[in-house]
Amino acid sequence: MLSGAGRSAFRDTTGQDSGTWDRARGWALWKTLLTLAHDPVDQRARALIDDILTEET
């Protein structure tokens, strides 16, 4: 649920390679899509999906 500078700091601090980060984004997308399937009007889930799909790697 991190965004902007917080997400960058987290990524830099963990020191994971890009493949690990991509897999984490995939898991986050999967979980968020499940949430959206349960509640199609969940704006927080929609915003998170947008963040995941538009993040520059």
PDB file of N, CA and C in Angstrom:
ATOM      1  N   MET A   1       0.815  -1.196   0.000  1.00  0.00           N
ATOM      2  CA  MET A   1       0.000   0.000   0.000  1.00  0.00           C
ATOM      3  C   MET A   1       0.859   1.260   0.000  1.00  0.00           C
ATOM      4  N   LEU A   2       2.101   1.096  -0.338  1.00  0.00           N
ATOM      5  CA  LEU A   2       2.988   2.257  -0.399  1.00  0.00           C
ATOM      6  C   LEU A   2       2.881   2.926  -1.750  1.00  0.00           C
ATOM      7  N   SER A   3       3.069   4.214  -1.767  1.00  0.00           N
ATOM      8  CA  SER A   3       3.064   4.931  -3.036  1.00  0.00           C
ATOM      9  C   SER A   3       4.160   5.990  -3.037  1.00  0.00           C
ATOM     10  N   GLY A   4       4.475   6.451  -4.209  1.00  0.00           N
ATOM     11  CA  GLY A   4       5.433   7.538  -4.369  1.00  0.00           C
ATOM     12  C   GLY A   4       6.780   7.259  -3.735  1.00  0.00           C
ATOM     13  N   ALA A   5       7.249   8.235  -2.956  1.00  0.00           N
ATOM     14  CA  ALA A   5       8.569   8.149  -2.332  1.00  0.00           C
ATOM     15  C   ALA A   5       8.657   6.981  -1.355  1.00  0.00           C
ATOM     16  N   GLY A   6       7.558   6.670  -0.675  1.00  0.00           N
ATOM     17  CA  GLY A   6       7.547   5.549   0.266  1.00  0.00           C
ATOM     18  C   GLY A   6       7.800   4.231  -0.427  1.00  0.00           C
ATOM     19  N   ARG A   7       7.193   4.054  -1.593  1.00  0.00           N
ATOM     20  CA  ARG A   7       7.391   2.819  -2.361  1.00  0.00           C
ATOM     21  C   ARG A   7       8.831   2.723  -2.845  1.00  0.00           C
ATOM     22  N   SER A   8       9.372   3.826  -3.324  1.00  0.00           N
ATOM     23  CA  SER A   8      10.768   3.832  -3.784  1.00  0.00           C
ATOM     24  C   SER A   8      11.722   3.519  -2.642  1.00  0.00           C
ATOM     25  N   ALA A   9      11.486   4.107  -1.482  1.00  0.00           N
ATOM     26  CA  ALA A   9      12.342   3.856  -0.323  1.00  0.00           C
ATOM     27  C   ALA A   9      12.258   2.394   0.105  1.00  0.00           C
ATOM     28  N   PHE A  10      11.054   1.834   0.107  1.00  0.00           N
ATOM     29  CA  PHE A  10      10.886   0.431   0.468  1.00  0.00           C
ATOM     30  C   PHE A  10      11.639  -0.468  -0.504  1.00  0.00           C
ATOM     31  N   ARG A  11      11.473  -0.184  -1.782  1.00  0.00           N
ATOM     32  CA  ARG A  11      12.142  -1.006  -2.799  1.00  0.00           C
ATOM     33  C   ARG A  11      13.658  -0.918  -2.662  1.00  0.00           C
ATOM     34  N   ASP A  12      14.180   0.281  -2.452  1.00  0.00           N
ATOM     35  CA  ASP A  12      15.627   0.455  -2.298  1.00  0.00           C
ATOM     36  C   ASP A  12      16.142  -0.233  -1.035  1.00  0.00           C
ATOM     37  N   THR A  13      15.367  -0.163   0.042  1.00  0.00           N
ATOM     38  CA  THR A  13      15.788  -0.733   1.321  1.00  0.00           C
ATOM     39  C   THR A  13      15.806  -2.257   1.288  1.00  0.00           C
ATOM     40  N   THR A  14      14.842  -2.866   0.607  1.00  0.00           N
ATOM     41  CA  THR A  14      14.792  -4.327   0.588  1.00  0.00           C
ATOM     42  C   THR A  14      15.888  -4.938  -0.273  1.00  0.00           C
ATOM     43  N   GLY A  15      16.350  -4.195  -1.266  1.00  0.00           N
ATOM     44  CA  GLY A  15      17.457  -4.663  -2.092  1.00  0.00           C
ATOM     45  C   GLY A  15      17.129  -5.865  -2.972  1.00  0.00           C
ATOM     46  N   GLN A  16      15.866  -6.050  -3.321  1.00  0.00           N
ATOM     47  CA  GLN A  16      15.475  -7.184  -4.157  1.00  0.00           C
ATOM     48  C   GLN A  16      15.717  -6.881  -5.633  1.00  0.00           C
ATOM     49  N   ASP A  17      15.942  -7.940  -6.406  1.00  0.00           N
ATOM     50  CA  ASP A  17      16.150  -7.747  -7.838  1.00  0.00           C
ATOM     51  C   ASP A  17      14.817  -7.455  -8.531  1.00  0.00           C
ATOM     52  N   SER A  18      14.889  -7.066  -9.782  1.00  0.00           N
ATOM     53  CA  SER A  18      13.669  -6.655 -10.491  1.00  0.00           C
ATOM     54  C   SER A  18      12.696  -7.813 -10.685  1.00  0.00           C
ATOM     55  N   GLY A  19      13.198  -9.040 -10.826  1.00  0.00           N
ATOM     56  CA  GLY A  19      12.319 -10.199 -10.967  1.00  0.00           C
ATOM     57  C   GLY A  19      11.482 -10.419  -9.717  1.00  0.00           C
ATOM     58  N   THR A  20      12.104 -10.277  -8.559  1.00  0.00           N
ATOM     59  CA  THR A  20      11.373 -10.421  -7.295  1.00  0.00           C
ATOM     60  C   THR A  20      10.328  -9.327  -7.169  1.00  0.00           C
ATOM     61  N   TRP A  21      10.707  -8.114  -7.522  1.00  0.00           N
ATOM     62  CA  TRP A  21       9.770  -6.990  -7.446  1.00  0.00           C
ATOM     63  C   TRP A  21       8.595  -7.211  -8.413  1.00  0.00           C
ATOM     64  N   ASP A  22       8.867  -7.717  -9.606  1.00  0.00           N
ATOM     65  CA  ASP A  22       7.792  -8.002 -10.566  1.00  0.00           C
ATOM     66  C   ASP A  22       6.840  -9.078 -10.040  1.00  0.00           C
ATOM     67  N   ARG A  23       7.394 -10.117  -9.412  1.00  0.00           N
ATOM     68  CA  ARG A  23       6.534 -11.156  -8.833  1.00  0.00           C
ATOM     69  C   ARG A  23       5.684 -10.587  -7.707  1.00  0.00           C
ATOM     70  N   ALA A  24       6.251  -9.726  -6.891  1.00  0.00           N
ATOM     71  CA  ALA A  24       5.489  -9.091  -5.809  1.00  0.00           C
ATOM     72  C   ALA A  24       4.352  -8.245  -6.379  1.00  0.00           C
ATOM     73  N   ARG A  25       4.622  -7.541  -7.461  1.00  0.00           N
ATOM     74  CA  ARG A  25       3.569  -6.762  -8.112  1.00  0.00           C
ATOM     75  C   ARG A  25       2.475  -7.675  -8.645  1.00  0.00           C
ATOM     76  N   GLY A  26       2.869  -8.838  -9.176  1.00  0.00           N
ATOM     77  CA  GLY A  26       1.899  -9.816  -9.663  1.00  0.00           C
ATOM     78  C   GLY A  26       1.004 -10.327  -8.549  1.00  0.00           C
ATOM     79  N   TRP A  27       1.597 -10.658  -7.404  1.00  0.00           N
ATOM     80  CA  TRP A  27       0.802 -11.106  -6.258  1.00  0.00           C
ATOM     81  C   TRP A  27      -0.130  -9.998  -5.787  1.00  0.00           C
ATOM     82  N   ALA A  28       0.366  -8.769  -5.735  1.00  0.00           N
ATOM     83  CA  ALA A  28      -0.467  -7.642  -5.310  1.00  0.00           C
ATOM     84  C   ALA A  28      -1.629  -7.443  -6.285  1.00  0.00           C
ATOM     85  N   LEU A  29      -1.360  -7.583  -7.574  1.00  0.00           N
ATOM     86  CA  LEU A  29      -2.414  -7.439  -8.572  1.00  0.00           C
ATOM     87  C   LEU A  29      -3.457  -8.539  -8.411  1.00  0.00           C
ATOM     88  N   TRP A  30      -3.003  -9.771  -8.233  1.00  0.00           N
ATOM     89  CA  TRP A  30      -3.913 -10.904  -8.047  1.00  0.00           C
ATOM     90  C   TRP A  30      -4.833 -10.673  -6.841  1.00  0.00           C
ATOM     91  N   LYS A  31      -4.248 -10.288  -5.716  1.00  0.00           N
ATOM     92  CA  LYS A  31      -5.034 -10.072  -4.499  1.00  0.00           C
ATOM     93  C   LYS A  31      -6.012  -8.917  -4.678  1.00  0.00           C
ATOM     94  N   THR A  32      -5.580  -7.865  -5.321  1.00  0.00           N
ATOM     95  CA  THR A  32      -6.443  -6.710  -5.527  1.00  0.00           C
ATOM     96  C   THR A  32      -7.585  -7.040  -6.487  1.00  0.00           C
ATOM     97  N   LEU A  33      -7.314  -7.832  -7.501  1.00  0.00           N
ATOM     98  CA  LEU A  33      -8.378  -8.253  -8.419  1.00  0.00           C
ATOM     99  C   LEU A  33      -9.413  -9.124  -7.699  1.00  0.00           C
ATOM    100  N   LEU A  34      -8.971  -9.955  -6.774  1.00  0.00           N
ATOM    101  CA  LEU A  34      -9.920 -10.739  -5.967  1.00  0.00           C
ATOM    102  C   LEU A  34     -10.801  -9.818  -5.131  1.00  0.00           C
ATOM    103  N   THR A  35     -10.202  -8.800  -4.561  1.00  0.00           N
ATOM    104  CA  THR A  35     -10.969  -7.826  -3.781  1.00  0.00           C
ATOM    105  C   THR A  35     -11.992  -7.136  -4.666  1.00  0.00           C
ATOM    106  N   LEU A  36     -11.574  -6.755  -5.841  1.00  0.00           N
ATOM    107  CA  LEU A  36     -12.470  -6.057  -6.771  1.00  0.00           C
ATOM    108  C   LEU A  36     -13.585  -6.976  -7.258  1.00  0.00           C
ATOM    109  N   ALA A  37     -13.301  -8.257  -7.420  1.00  0.00           N
ATOM    110  CA  ALA A  37     -14.335  -9.206  -7.831  1.00  0.00           C
ATOM    111  C   ALA A  37     -15.425  -9.315  -6.760  1.00  0.00           C
ATOM    112  N   HIS A  38     -15.015  -9.197  -5.510  1.00  0.00           N
ATOM    113  CA  HIS A  38     -15.967  -9.266  -4.402  1.00  0.00           C
ATOM    114  C   HIS A  38     -16.760  -7.964  -4.256  1.00  0.00           C
ATOM    115  N   ASP A  39     -16.093  -6.848  -4.540  1.00  0.00           N
ATOM    116  CA  ASP A  39     -16.721  -5.528  -4.385  1.00  0.00           C
ATOM    117  C   ASP A  39     -16.333  -4.653  -5.578  1.00  0.00           C
ATOM    118  N   PRO A  40     -17.083  -4.737  -6.684  1.00  0.00           N
ATOM    119  CA  PRO A  40     -16.710  -4.048  -7.930  1.00  0.00           C
ATOM    120  C   PRO A  40     -16.624  -2.523  -7.844  1.00  0.00           C
ATOM    121  N   VAL A  41     -17.155  -1.932  -6.799  1.00  0.00           N
ATOM    122  CA  VAL A  41     -17.096  -0.470  -6.699  1.00  0.00           C
ATOM    123  C   VAL A  41     -16.042   0.004  -5.703  1.00  0.00           C
ATOM    124  N   ASP A  42     -15.184  -0.904  -5.256  1.00  0.00           N
ATOM    125  CA  ASP A  42     -14.134  -0.560  -4.297  1.00  0.00           C
ATOM    126  C   ASP A  42     -13.119   0.375  -4.963  1.00  0.00           C
ATOM    127  N   GLN A  43     -13.195   1.638  -4.642  1.00  0.00           N
ATOM    128  CA  GLN A  43     -12.325   2.634  -5.271  1.00  0.00           C
ATOM    129  C   GLN A  43     -10.865   2.480  -4.862  1.00  0.00           C
ATOM    130  N   ARG A  44     -10.633   2.039  -3.639  1.00  0.00           N
ATOM    131  CA  ARG A  44      -9.259   1.827  -3.186  1.00  0.00           C
ATOM    132  C   ARG A  44      -8.597   0.729  -4.018  1.00  0.00           C
ATOM    133  N   ALA A  45      -9.327  -0.351  -4.275  1.00  0.00           N
ATOM    134  CA  ALA A  45      -8.792  -1.445  -5.093  1.00  0.00           C
ATOM    135  C   ALA A  45      -8.534  -0.965  -6.515  1.00  0.00           C
ATOM    136  N   ARG A  46      -9.446  -0.191  -7.062  1.00  0.00           N
ATOM    137  CA  ARG A  46      -9.255   0.332  -8.420  1.00  0.00           C
ATOM    138  C   ARG A  46      -8.015   1.218  -8.506  1.00  0.00           C
ATOM    139  N   ALA A  47      -7.813   2.056  -7.496  1.00  0.00           N
ATOM    140  CA  ALA A  47      -6.642   2.939  -7.475  1.00  0.00           C
ATOM    141  C   ALA A  47      -5.354   2.121  -7.354  1.00  0.00           C
ATOM    142  N   LEU A  48      -5.392   1.067  -6.546  1.00  0.00           N
ATOM    143  CA  LEU A  48      -4.209   0.231  -6.380  1.00  0.00           C
ATOM    144  C   LEU A  48      -3.868  -0.515  -7.671  1.00  0.00           C
ATOM    145  N   ILE A  49      -4.881  -1.003  -8.360  1.00  0.00           N
ATOM    146  CA  ILE A  49      -4.640  -1.669  -9.653  1.00  0.00           C
ATOM    147  C   ILE A  49      -3.991  -0.695 -10.626  1.00  0.00           C
ATOM    148  N   ASP A  50      -4.483   0.525 -10.659  1.00  0.00           N
ATOM    149  CA  ASP A  50      -3.894   1.540 -11.521  1.00  0.00           C
ATOM    150  C   ASP A  50      -2.429   1.784 -11.151  1.00  0.00           C
ATOM    151  N   ASP A  51      -2.129   1.867  -9.851  1.00  0.00           N
ATOM    152  CA  ASP A  51      -0.739   2.052  -9.399  1.00  0.00           C
ATOM    153  C   ASP A  51       0.149   0.898  -9.847  1.00  0.00           C
ATOM    154  N   ILE A  52      -0.352  -0.330  -9.680  1.00  0.00           N
ATOM    155  CA  ILE A  52       0.439  -1.506 -10.023  1.00  0.00           C
ATOM    156  C   ILE A  52       0.737  -1.543 -11.528  1.00  0.00           C
ATOM    157  N   LEU A  53      -0.286  -1.249 -12.324  1.00  0.00           N
ATOM    158  CA  LEU A  53      -0.114  -1.353 -13.772  1.00  0.00           C
ATOM    159  C   LEU A  53       0.679  -0.209 -14.387  1.00  0.00           C
ATOM    160  N   THR A  54       0.715   0.931 -13.732  1.00  0.00           N
ATOM    161  CA  THR A  54       1.419   2.076 -14.297  1.00  0.00           C
ATOM    162  C   THR A  54       2.794   2.329 -13.668  1.00  0.00           C
ATOM    163  N   GLU A  55       3.168   1.517 -12.696  1.00  0.00           N
ATOM    164  CA  GLU A  55       4.464   1.704 -12.050  1.00  0.00           C
ATOM    165  C   GLU A  55       5.586   1.452 -13.046  1.00  0.00           C
ATOM    166  N   GLU A  56       6.525   2.344 -13.072  1.00  0.00           N
ATOM    167  CA  GLU A  56       7.697   2.173 -13.933  1.00  0.00           C
ATOM    168  C   GLU A  56       8.690   1.292 -13.219  1.00  0.00           C
ATOM    169  N   THR A  57       9.155   0.263 -13.916  1.00  0.00           N
ATOM    170  CA  THR A  57      10.111  -0.666 -13.296  1.00  0.00           C
ATOM    171  C   THR A  57      11.474  -0.514 -13.870  1.00  0.00           C
TER     172      THR A  57
END
